[in-house]
N, C-alpha and C. Protein backbone atom coordinates (compact mmCIF):
# COMPACT_ATOMS: atom_id res chain seq x y z
N MET A 1 -6.33 -4.26 0.16
CA MET A 1 -6.32 -4.12 1.60
C MET A 1 -6.72 -5.38 2.24
N CYS A 2 -6.08 -5.62 3.34
CA CYS A 2 -6.29 -6.91 4.10
C CYS A 2 -7.25 -6.56 5.29
N ASP A 3 -8.14 -7.50 5.61
CA ASP A 3 -9.17 -7.26 6.60
C ASP A 3 -8.78 -7.94 7.92
N ILE A 4 -7.50 -7.77 8.38
CA ILE A 4 -6.97 -8.26 9.48
C ILE A 4 -6.36 -7.14 10.31
N HIS A 5 -6.83 -7.05 11.59
CA HIS A 5 -6.27 -5.90 12.38
C HIS A 5 -4.98 -6.39 13.06
N ALA A 6 -4.10 -5.49 13.32
CA ALA A 6 -2.71 -5.73 13.79
C ALA A 6 -2.74 -6.52 15.06
N SER A 7 -3.76 -6.31 15.89
CA SER A 7 -3.83 -7.01 17.20
C SER A 7 -4.08 -8.46 17.04
N GLU A 8 -4.46 -8.95 15.83
CA GLU A 8 -4.57 -10.44 15.62
C GLU A 8 -3.29 -11.09 15.31
N LEU A 9 -2.29 -10.26 14.95
CA LEU A 9 -1.02 -10.83 14.50
C LEU A 9 0.13 -10.37 15.42
N LEU A 10 0.03 -9.43 16.26
CA LEU A 10 1.07 -8.97 17.04
C LEU A 10 0.75 -9.19 18.64
N PRO A 11 1.72 -9.42 19.38
CA PRO A 11 1.39 -9.46 20.86
C PRO A 11 1.15 -8.14 21.60
N HIS A 12 1.44 -7.03 20.86
CA HIS A 12 1.23 -5.68 21.43
C HIS A 12 -0.26 -5.28 21.51
N ARG A 13 -0.51 -4.51 22.51
CA ARG A 13 -1.84 -3.94 22.76
C ARG A 13 -1.68 -2.49 23.05
N PRO A 14 -2.83 -1.66 22.79
CA PRO A 14 -2.76 -0.29 23.17
C PRO A 14 -2.34 -0.06 24.59
N PRO A 15 -1.54 0.81 24.90
CA PRO A 15 -1.11 1.96 24.09
C PRO A 15 0.17 1.76 23.36
N MET A 16 0.70 0.54 23.31
CA MET A 16 1.93 0.29 22.66
C MET A 16 1.82 -0.32 21.21
N LEU A 17 0.50 -0.66 20.82
CA LEU A 17 0.37 -1.17 19.49
C LEU A 17 0.30 0.15 18.56
N LEU A 18 1.34 0.32 17.78
CA LEU A 18 1.38 1.52 16.94
C LEU A 18 1.06 1.39 15.50
N VAL A 19 0.85 0.22 14.98
CA VAL A 19 0.37 -0.06 13.61
C VAL A 19 -1.09 -0.56 13.78
N ASP A 20 -1.85 -0.19 12.74
CA ASP A 20 -3.26 -0.45 12.80
C ASP A 20 -3.73 -1.67 11.99
N ARG A 21 -3.34 -1.69 10.81
CA ARG A 21 -3.80 -2.74 9.86
C ARG A 21 -2.97 -2.83 8.70
N ILE A 22 -3.07 -3.91 7.94
CA ILE A 22 -2.29 -4.15 6.72
C ILE A 22 -3.02 -3.41 5.56
N LEU A 23 -2.34 -2.57 4.76
CA LEU A 23 -2.95 -1.94 3.62
C LEU A 23 -2.62 -2.75 2.43
N THR A 24 -1.33 -3.22 2.30
CA THR A 24 -0.96 -4.02 1.13
C THR A 24 0.08 -5.00 1.57
N VAL A 25 -0.03 -6.24 1.08
CA VAL A 25 0.92 -7.23 1.52
C VAL A 25 1.23 -8.20 0.29
N ASP A 26 2.52 -8.43 0.13
CA ASP A 26 2.91 -9.34 -1.06
C ASP A 26 3.90 -10.29 -0.42
N ILE A 27 3.47 -11.45 -0.06
CA ILE A 27 4.34 -12.48 0.53
C ILE A 27 5.51 -12.89 -0.36
N ALA A 28 5.18 -13.05 -1.63
CA ALA A 28 6.23 -13.46 -2.66
C ALA A 28 7.34 -12.43 -2.71
N ARG A 29 6.97 -11.17 -2.57
CA ARG A 29 7.97 -10.12 -2.66
C ARG A 29 8.53 -9.71 -1.22
N ASP A 30 7.98 -10.41 -0.13
CA ASP A 30 8.34 -10.12 1.13
C ASP A 30 8.21 -8.57 1.36
N TYR A 31 7.06 -8.08 1.13
CA TYR A 31 6.64 -6.63 1.28
C TYR A 31 5.37 -6.46 2.04
N ILE A 32 5.35 -5.46 2.76
CA ILE A 32 4.11 -4.97 3.49
C ILE A 32 4.08 -3.51 3.58
N CYS A 33 2.80 -2.98 3.54
CA CYS A 33 2.51 -1.54 3.81
C CYS A 33 1.40 -1.54 4.80
N ALA A 34 1.69 -1.01 5.91
CA ALA A 34 0.76 -1.01 7.08
C ALA A 34 0.26 0.48 7.43
N ALA A 35 -0.99 0.56 7.77
CA ALA A 35 -1.59 1.81 8.21
C ALA A 35 -1.11 2.08 9.67
N VAL A 36 -0.89 3.32 9.89
CA VAL A 36 -0.43 3.83 11.15
C VAL A 36 -1.16 5.20 11.36
N GLN A 37 -1.66 5.37 12.63
CA GLN A 37 -2.19 6.63 12.94
C GLN A 37 -1.90 6.85 14.48
N CYS A 38 -0.88 7.58 14.73
CA CYS A 38 -0.53 7.89 16.14
C CYS A 38 -1.48 8.89 16.74
N SER A 39 -1.73 8.66 18.05
CA SER A 39 -2.63 9.58 18.71
C SER A 39 -2.10 10.01 20.07
N GLU A 40 -2.89 10.91 20.64
CA GLU A 40 -2.49 11.35 21.99
C GLU A 40 -2.54 10.21 23.13
N ASN A 41 -3.20 9.10 22.72
CA ASN A 41 -3.32 7.98 23.67
C ASN A 41 -2.16 7.01 23.54
N ASP A 42 -1.27 7.16 22.53
CA ASP A 42 -0.23 6.32 22.35
C ASP A 42 0.87 6.49 23.60
N LEU A 43 1.49 5.42 24.04
CA LEU A 43 2.42 5.46 25.08
C LEU A 43 3.54 6.40 24.82
N LEU A 44 3.90 6.53 23.53
CA LEU A 44 5.09 7.38 23.22
C LEU A 44 4.72 8.87 22.87
N TYR A 45 3.40 9.17 23.08
CA TYR A 45 3.12 10.53 22.79
C TYR A 45 3.71 11.57 23.72
N ASN A 46 4.16 12.64 23.19
CA ASN A 46 4.82 13.74 23.98
C ASN A 46 4.15 14.98 23.79
N SER A 47 3.43 15.46 24.88
CA SER A 47 2.55 16.62 24.80
C SER A 47 3.39 17.94 24.44
N GLU A 48 4.62 17.94 24.81
CA GLU A 48 5.33 19.13 24.52
C GLU A 48 5.61 19.29 22.96
N LEU A 49 5.69 18.10 22.32
CA LEU A 49 5.96 18.10 20.90
C LEU A 49 4.63 18.05 20.13
N ASN A 50 3.55 17.76 20.82
CA ASN A 50 2.21 17.48 20.14
C ASN A 50 2.38 16.33 19.11
N GLY A 51 3.19 15.36 19.45
CA GLY A 51 3.38 14.35 18.58
C GLY A 51 4.17 13.22 19.20
N ILE A 52 4.73 12.35 18.37
CA ILE A 52 5.52 11.19 18.83
C ILE A 52 7.02 11.54 18.44
N MET A 53 7.92 11.23 19.31
CA MET A 53 9.34 11.43 19.03
C MET A 53 9.79 10.56 17.86
N THR A 54 10.66 11.11 17.05
CA THR A 54 11.09 10.35 15.81
C THR A 54 11.68 9.05 16.08
N SER A 55 12.26 8.80 17.22
CA SER A 55 12.87 7.58 17.61
C SER A 55 11.81 6.43 17.62
N ALA A 56 10.51 6.77 17.77
CA ALA A 56 9.46 5.79 17.66
C ALA A 56 9.33 5.17 16.41
N ALA A 57 9.84 5.86 15.32
CA ALA A 57 9.67 5.33 13.94
C ALA A 57 10.29 3.87 13.93
N VAL A 58 11.30 3.62 14.63
CA VAL A 58 11.94 2.27 14.63
C VAL A 58 10.97 1.25 15.14
N GLU A 59 10.26 1.59 16.16
CA GLU A 59 9.34 0.66 16.74
C GLU A 59 8.19 0.42 15.78
N ILE A 60 7.62 1.48 15.09
CA ILE A 60 6.64 1.38 14.12
C ILE A 60 7.10 0.47 12.98
N MET A 61 8.31 0.61 12.43
CA MET A 61 8.89 -0.14 11.41
C MET A 61 8.98 -1.62 11.88
N ALA A 62 9.38 -1.90 13.15
CA ALA A 62 9.53 -3.25 13.61
C ALA A 62 8.19 -3.88 13.74
N GLN A 63 7.18 -3.12 14.14
CA GLN A 63 5.81 -3.72 14.20
C GLN A 63 5.31 -4.08 12.85
N SER A 64 5.68 -3.31 11.80
CA SER A 64 5.18 -3.66 10.43
C SER A 64 5.92 -4.95 9.96
N ILE A 65 7.19 -5.12 10.35
CA ILE A 65 7.77 -6.38 10.06
C ILE A 65 7.09 -7.57 10.70
N GLY A 66 6.69 -7.29 11.95
CA GLY A 66 5.90 -8.34 12.75
C GLY A 66 4.54 -8.66 12.01
N LEU A 67 3.95 -7.71 11.41
CA LEU A 67 2.74 -7.87 10.72
C LEU A 67 2.99 -8.75 9.49
N LEU A 68 4.02 -8.45 8.78
CA LEU A 68 4.42 -9.27 7.59
C LEU A 68 4.75 -10.67 8.00
N SER A 69 5.38 -10.84 9.06
CA SER A 69 5.74 -12.33 9.55
C SER A 69 4.43 -13.03 9.88
N GLY A 70 3.65 -12.35 10.70
CA GLY A 70 2.36 -12.87 11.13
C GLY A 70 1.39 -13.29 10.03
N TYR A 71 1.25 -12.34 9.15
CA TYR A 71 0.43 -12.57 7.89
C TYR A 71 0.89 -13.77 7.10
N SER A 72 2.23 -13.85 6.85
CA SER A 72 2.84 -14.94 6.15
C SER A 72 2.56 -16.30 6.98
N ASP A 73 2.67 -16.24 8.23
CA ASP A 73 2.36 -17.44 8.99
C ASP A 73 0.92 -17.91 8.74
N LEU A 74 0.06 -16.94 8.94
CA LEU A 74 -1.34 -17.23 8.65
C LEU A 74 -1.68 -17.91 7.38
N GLN A 75 -1.09 -17.29 6.30
CA GLN A 75 -1.26 -17.82 4.97
C GLN A 75 -0.71 -19.25 4.81
N LYS A 76 0.36 -19.58 5.54
CA LYS A 76 1.04 -20.86 5.40
C LYS A 76 0.47 -21.83 6.38
N GLY A 77 -0.47 -21.44 7.20
CA GLY A 77 -1.05 -22.36 8.17
C GLY A 77 -0.19 -22.65 9.40
N HIS A 78 0.83 -21.77 9.58
CA HIS A 78 1.73 -22.01 10.71
C HIS A 78 1.22 -21.18 11.92
N SER A 79 1.71 -21.54 13.07
CA SER A 79 1.38 -20.75 14.31
C SER A 79 2.16 -19.55 14.23
N LEU A 80 1.63 -18.50 14.97
CA LEU A 80 2.40 -17.17 14.97
C LEU A 80 3.58 -17.35 15.87
N ALA A 81 4.62 -16.50 15.54
CA ALA A 81 5.87 -16.55 16.28
C ALA A 81 5.55 -16.06 17.67
N SER A 82 6.21 -16.59 18.70
CA SER A 82 6.00 -16.13 20.08
C SER A 82 6.50 -14.72 20.35
N MET A 83 7.58 -14.36 19.59
CA MET A 83 8.21 -13.09 19.80
C MET A 83 9.28 -12.82 18.79
N GLY A 84 9.43 -11.53 18.51
CA GLY A 84 10.49 -11.09 17.57
C GLY A 84 11.35 -10.12 18.39
N LYS A 85 12.72 -10.08 17.95
CA LYS A 85 13.59 -9.15 18.57
C LYS A 85 14.33 -8.39 17.64
N LEU A 86 14.44 -7.08 17.81
CA LEU A 86 15.32 -6.23 16.95
C LEU A 86 16.75 -6.39 17.34
N LEU A 87 17.55 -6.77 16.25
CA LEU A 87 18.96 -7.00 16.56
C LEU A 87 19.76 -5.83 16.23
N SER A 88 19.51 -5.17 15.11
CA SER A 88 20.33 -3.98 14.69
C SER A 88 19.40 -3.06 13.91
N ILE A 89 19.97 -1.78 13.98
CA ILE A 89 19.36 -0.77 13.17
C ILE A 89 20.51 -0.07 12.38
N LYS A 90 20.38 -0.06 11.08
CA LYS A 90 21.46 0.58 10.23
C LYS A 90 20.85 1.60 9.30
N GLN A 91 21.62 2.52 8.89
CA GLN A 91 21.30 3.60 8.01
C GLN A 91 20.01 4.28 8.46
N TYR A 92 19.81 4.60 9.73
CA TYR A 92 18.60 5.15 10.19
C TYR A 92 18.63 6.63 9.86
N GLN A 93 17.69 7.08 9.21
CA GLN A 93 17.61 8.57 8.80
C GLN A 93 16.21 9.05 9.16
N VAL A 94 16.16 10.25 9.73
CA VAL A 94 14.83 10.97 10.03
C VAL A 94 14.82 12.16 9.26
N TYR A 95 13.62 12.53 8.75
CA TYR A 95 13.42 13.71 7.94
C TYR A 95 12.45 14.70 8.55
N THR A 96 12.14 14.47 9.78
CA THR A 96 11.21 15.35 10.42
C THR A 96 11.61 15.48 11.97
N ASN A 97 11.10 16.38 12.58
CA ASN A 97 11.41 16.51 14.07
C ASN A 97 10.42 15.78 14.95
N VAL A 98 9.26 15.46 14.40
CA VAL A 98 8.34 14.83 15.27
C VAL A 98 7.34 14.11 14.21
N ILE A 99 6.81 12.88 14.71
CA ILE A 99 5.88 12.04 14.05
C ILE A 99 4.49 12.63 14.35
N PRO A 100 3.77 13.18 13.41
CA PRO A 100 2.50 13.83 13.66
C PRO A 100 1.42 12.77 14.24
N VAL A 101 0.59 13.37 15.08
CA VAL A 101 -0.61 12.62 15.56
C VAL A 101 -1.83 12.95 14.73
N ASN A 102 -2.79 12.03 14.61
CA ASN A 102 -4.01 12.24 13.95
C ASN A 102 -3.83 12.48 12.45
N THR A 103 -2.68 11.89 11.89
CA THR A 103 -2.36 11.89 10.51
C THR A 103 -2.18 10.53 10.01
N PRO A 104 -2.82 10.15 8.93
CA PRO A 104 -2.69 8.82 8.32
C PRO A 104 -1.23 8.66 7.87
N LEU A 105 -0.54 7.63 8.36
CA LEU A 105 0.76 7.32 8.09
C LEU A 105 0.93 5.97 7.46
N ARG A 106 1.99 5.63 6.69
CA ARG A 106 2.23 4.26 6.21
C ARG A 106 3.64 3.81 6.63
N ALA A 107 3.69 2.60 7.05
CA ALA A 107 4.92 1.97 7.38
C ALA A 107 5.12 0.85 6.32
N GLU A 108 6.30 0.97 5.72
CA GLU A 108 6.60 -0.04 4.60
C GLU A 108 7.84 -0.85 5.00
N ALA A 109 7.77 -2.15 4.79
CA ALA A 109 8.99 -2.98 5.02
C ALA A 109 9.14 -3.95 3.85
N ARG A 110 10.30 -4.12 3.38
CA ARG A 110 10.61 -5.00 2.33
C ARG A 110 11.83 -5.84 2.71
N GLY A 111 11.70 -7.13 2.69
CA GLY A 111 12.75 -8.04 3.09
C GLY A 111 13.94 -8.02 1.96
N ILE A 112 15.08 -7.97 2.47
CA ILE A 112 16.25 -7.89 1.50
C ILE A 112 17.14 -9.11 1.87
N MET A 113 16.91 -9.78 2.96
CA MET A 113 17.65 -10.99 3.28
C MET A 113 16.87 -11.77 4.33
N ASN A 114 16.52 -13.02 3.94
CA ASN A 114 15.77 -13.84 4.86
C ASN A 114 16.55 -15.10 5.14
N ALA A 115 17.08 -15.39 6.31
CA ALA A 115 17.67 -16.65 6.57
C ALA A 115 17.28 -16.95 8.00
N PRO A 116 16.07 -17.54 7.99
CA PRO A 116 15.48 -17.83 9.37
C PRO A 116 16.41 -18.43 10.33
N PRO A 117 16.39 -17.90 11.52
CA PRO A 117 15.35 -17.07 12.25
C PRO A 117 15.74 -15.63 12.00
N ILE A 118 16.65 -15.15 11.14
CA ILE A 118 17.07 -13.81 10.99
C ILE A 118 16.58 -13.24 9.67
N GLY A 119 16.11 -12.00 9.76
CA GLY A 119 15.77 -11.33 8.43
C GLY A 119 16.25 -9.89 8.48
N VAL A 120 16.45 -9.35 7.30
CA VAL A 120 16.88 -8.01 7.13
C VAL A 120 15.89 -7.20 6.27
N TYR A 121 15.37 -6.11 6.76
CA TYR A 121 14.34 -5.40 6.03
C TYR A 121 14.70 -3.95 5.79
N GLU A 122 14.35 -3.48 4.63
CA GLU A 122 14.45 -2.00 4.31
C GLU A 122 13.04 -1.46 4.74
N CYS A 123 13.06 -0.42 5.56
CA CYS A 123 11.77 0.11 6.05
C CYS A 123 11.71 1.59 5.87
N LYS A 124 10.42 2.08 5.73
CA LYS A 124 10.16 3.48 5.57
C LYS A 124 8.86 3.82 6.27
N LEU A 125 8.87 5.09 6.86
CA LEU A 125 7.64 5.62 7.36
C LEU A 125 7.32 6.86 6.66
N LYS A 126 6.07 6.93 6.15
CA LYS A 126 5.59 8.04 5.29
C LYS A 126 4.31 8.58 5.79
N ALA A 127 4.19 9.97 5.51
CA ALA A 127 2.84 10.68 5.65
C ALA A 127 2.62 11.15 4.21
N GLY A 128 1.59 10.50 3.56
CA GLY A 128 1.38 10.75 2.10
C GLY A 128 2.60 10.34 1.42
N GLU A 129 3.11 11.33 0.66
CA GLU A 129 4.39 10.97 -0.10
C GLU A 129 5.64 11.41 0.66
N GLN A 130 5.40 12.17 1.71
CA GLN A 130 6.60 12.66 2.42
C GLN A 130 7.28 11.55 3.27
N LEU A 131 8.52 11.33 3.05
CA LEU A 131 9.30 10.40 3.83
C LEU A 131 9.62 10.93 5.17
N LEU A 132 9.17 10.32 6.29
CA LEU A 132 9.51 10.81 7.56
C LEU A 132 10.78 10.17 8.22
N ALA A 133 10.94 8.84 7.86
CA ALA A 133 12.06 8.10 8.46
C ALA A 133 12.37 6.87 7.63
N GLU A 134 13.62 6.35 7.63
CA GLU A 134 13.88 5.14 6.94
C GLU A 134 15.03 4.47 7.67
N ALA A 135 15.14 3.14 7.55
CA ALA A 135 16.17 2.35 8.24
C ALA A 135 16.25 1.02 7.68
N GLU A 136 17.37 0.33 7.90
CA GLU A 136 17.48 -1.06 7.64
C GLU A 136 17.50 -1.78 9.05
N LEU A 137 16.57 -2.66 9.19
CA LEU A 137 16.39 -3.35 10.44
C LEU A 137 16.63 -4.82 10.30
N THR A 138 17.48 -5.35 11.27
CA THR A 138 17.70 -6.81 11.39
C THR A 138 16.99 -7.36 12.53
N VAL A 139 16.17 -8.38 12.23
CA VAL A 139 15.32 -8.82 13.33
C VAL A 139 15.55 -10.41 13.46
N PHE A 140 15.18 -10.89 14.68
CA PHE A 140 15.28 -12.25 15.04
C PHE A 140 13.83 -12.74 15.40
N ARG A 141 13.57 -13.94 14.88
CA ARG A 141 12.22 -14.36 15.12
C ARG A 141 12.25 -15.64 16.05
N GLU A 142 11.61 -15.57 17.18
CA GLU A 142 11.47 -16.80 18.07
C GLU A 142 10.29 -17.51 17.82
N ASP A 143 10.42 -18.74 17.45
CA ASP A 143 9.22 -19.71 17.29
C ASP A 143 9.01 -20.58 18.52
């Protein structure tokens, strides 16, 4: 586990900061697993669903990629990127009707192509071993 909170690496702040902290990171493998716990205080909370709409999974995955990028920058002694942009979402699949609140979740991202300033990542959102959503995200990093 990494002792760095997401707010140290991302420009987001509550209620739009959806990832909490890094659980596992492996820069050499371009992989991260981030802790996520959605609550009623999150901007995307829907009281009718008593949870978060599944479309928010994409933002959670994108924030986990931002954590990976920020952590990598920190380890290399580089300054943090000023911003990242989501360029495309491919193979997006959801396996639930709602992202539960007050449930420990994990967002995983693994780089499958890195050609700065563009990267492609396979991402998953899980509750325990249950896969809630997965997608391939292409991102652009602004330095």
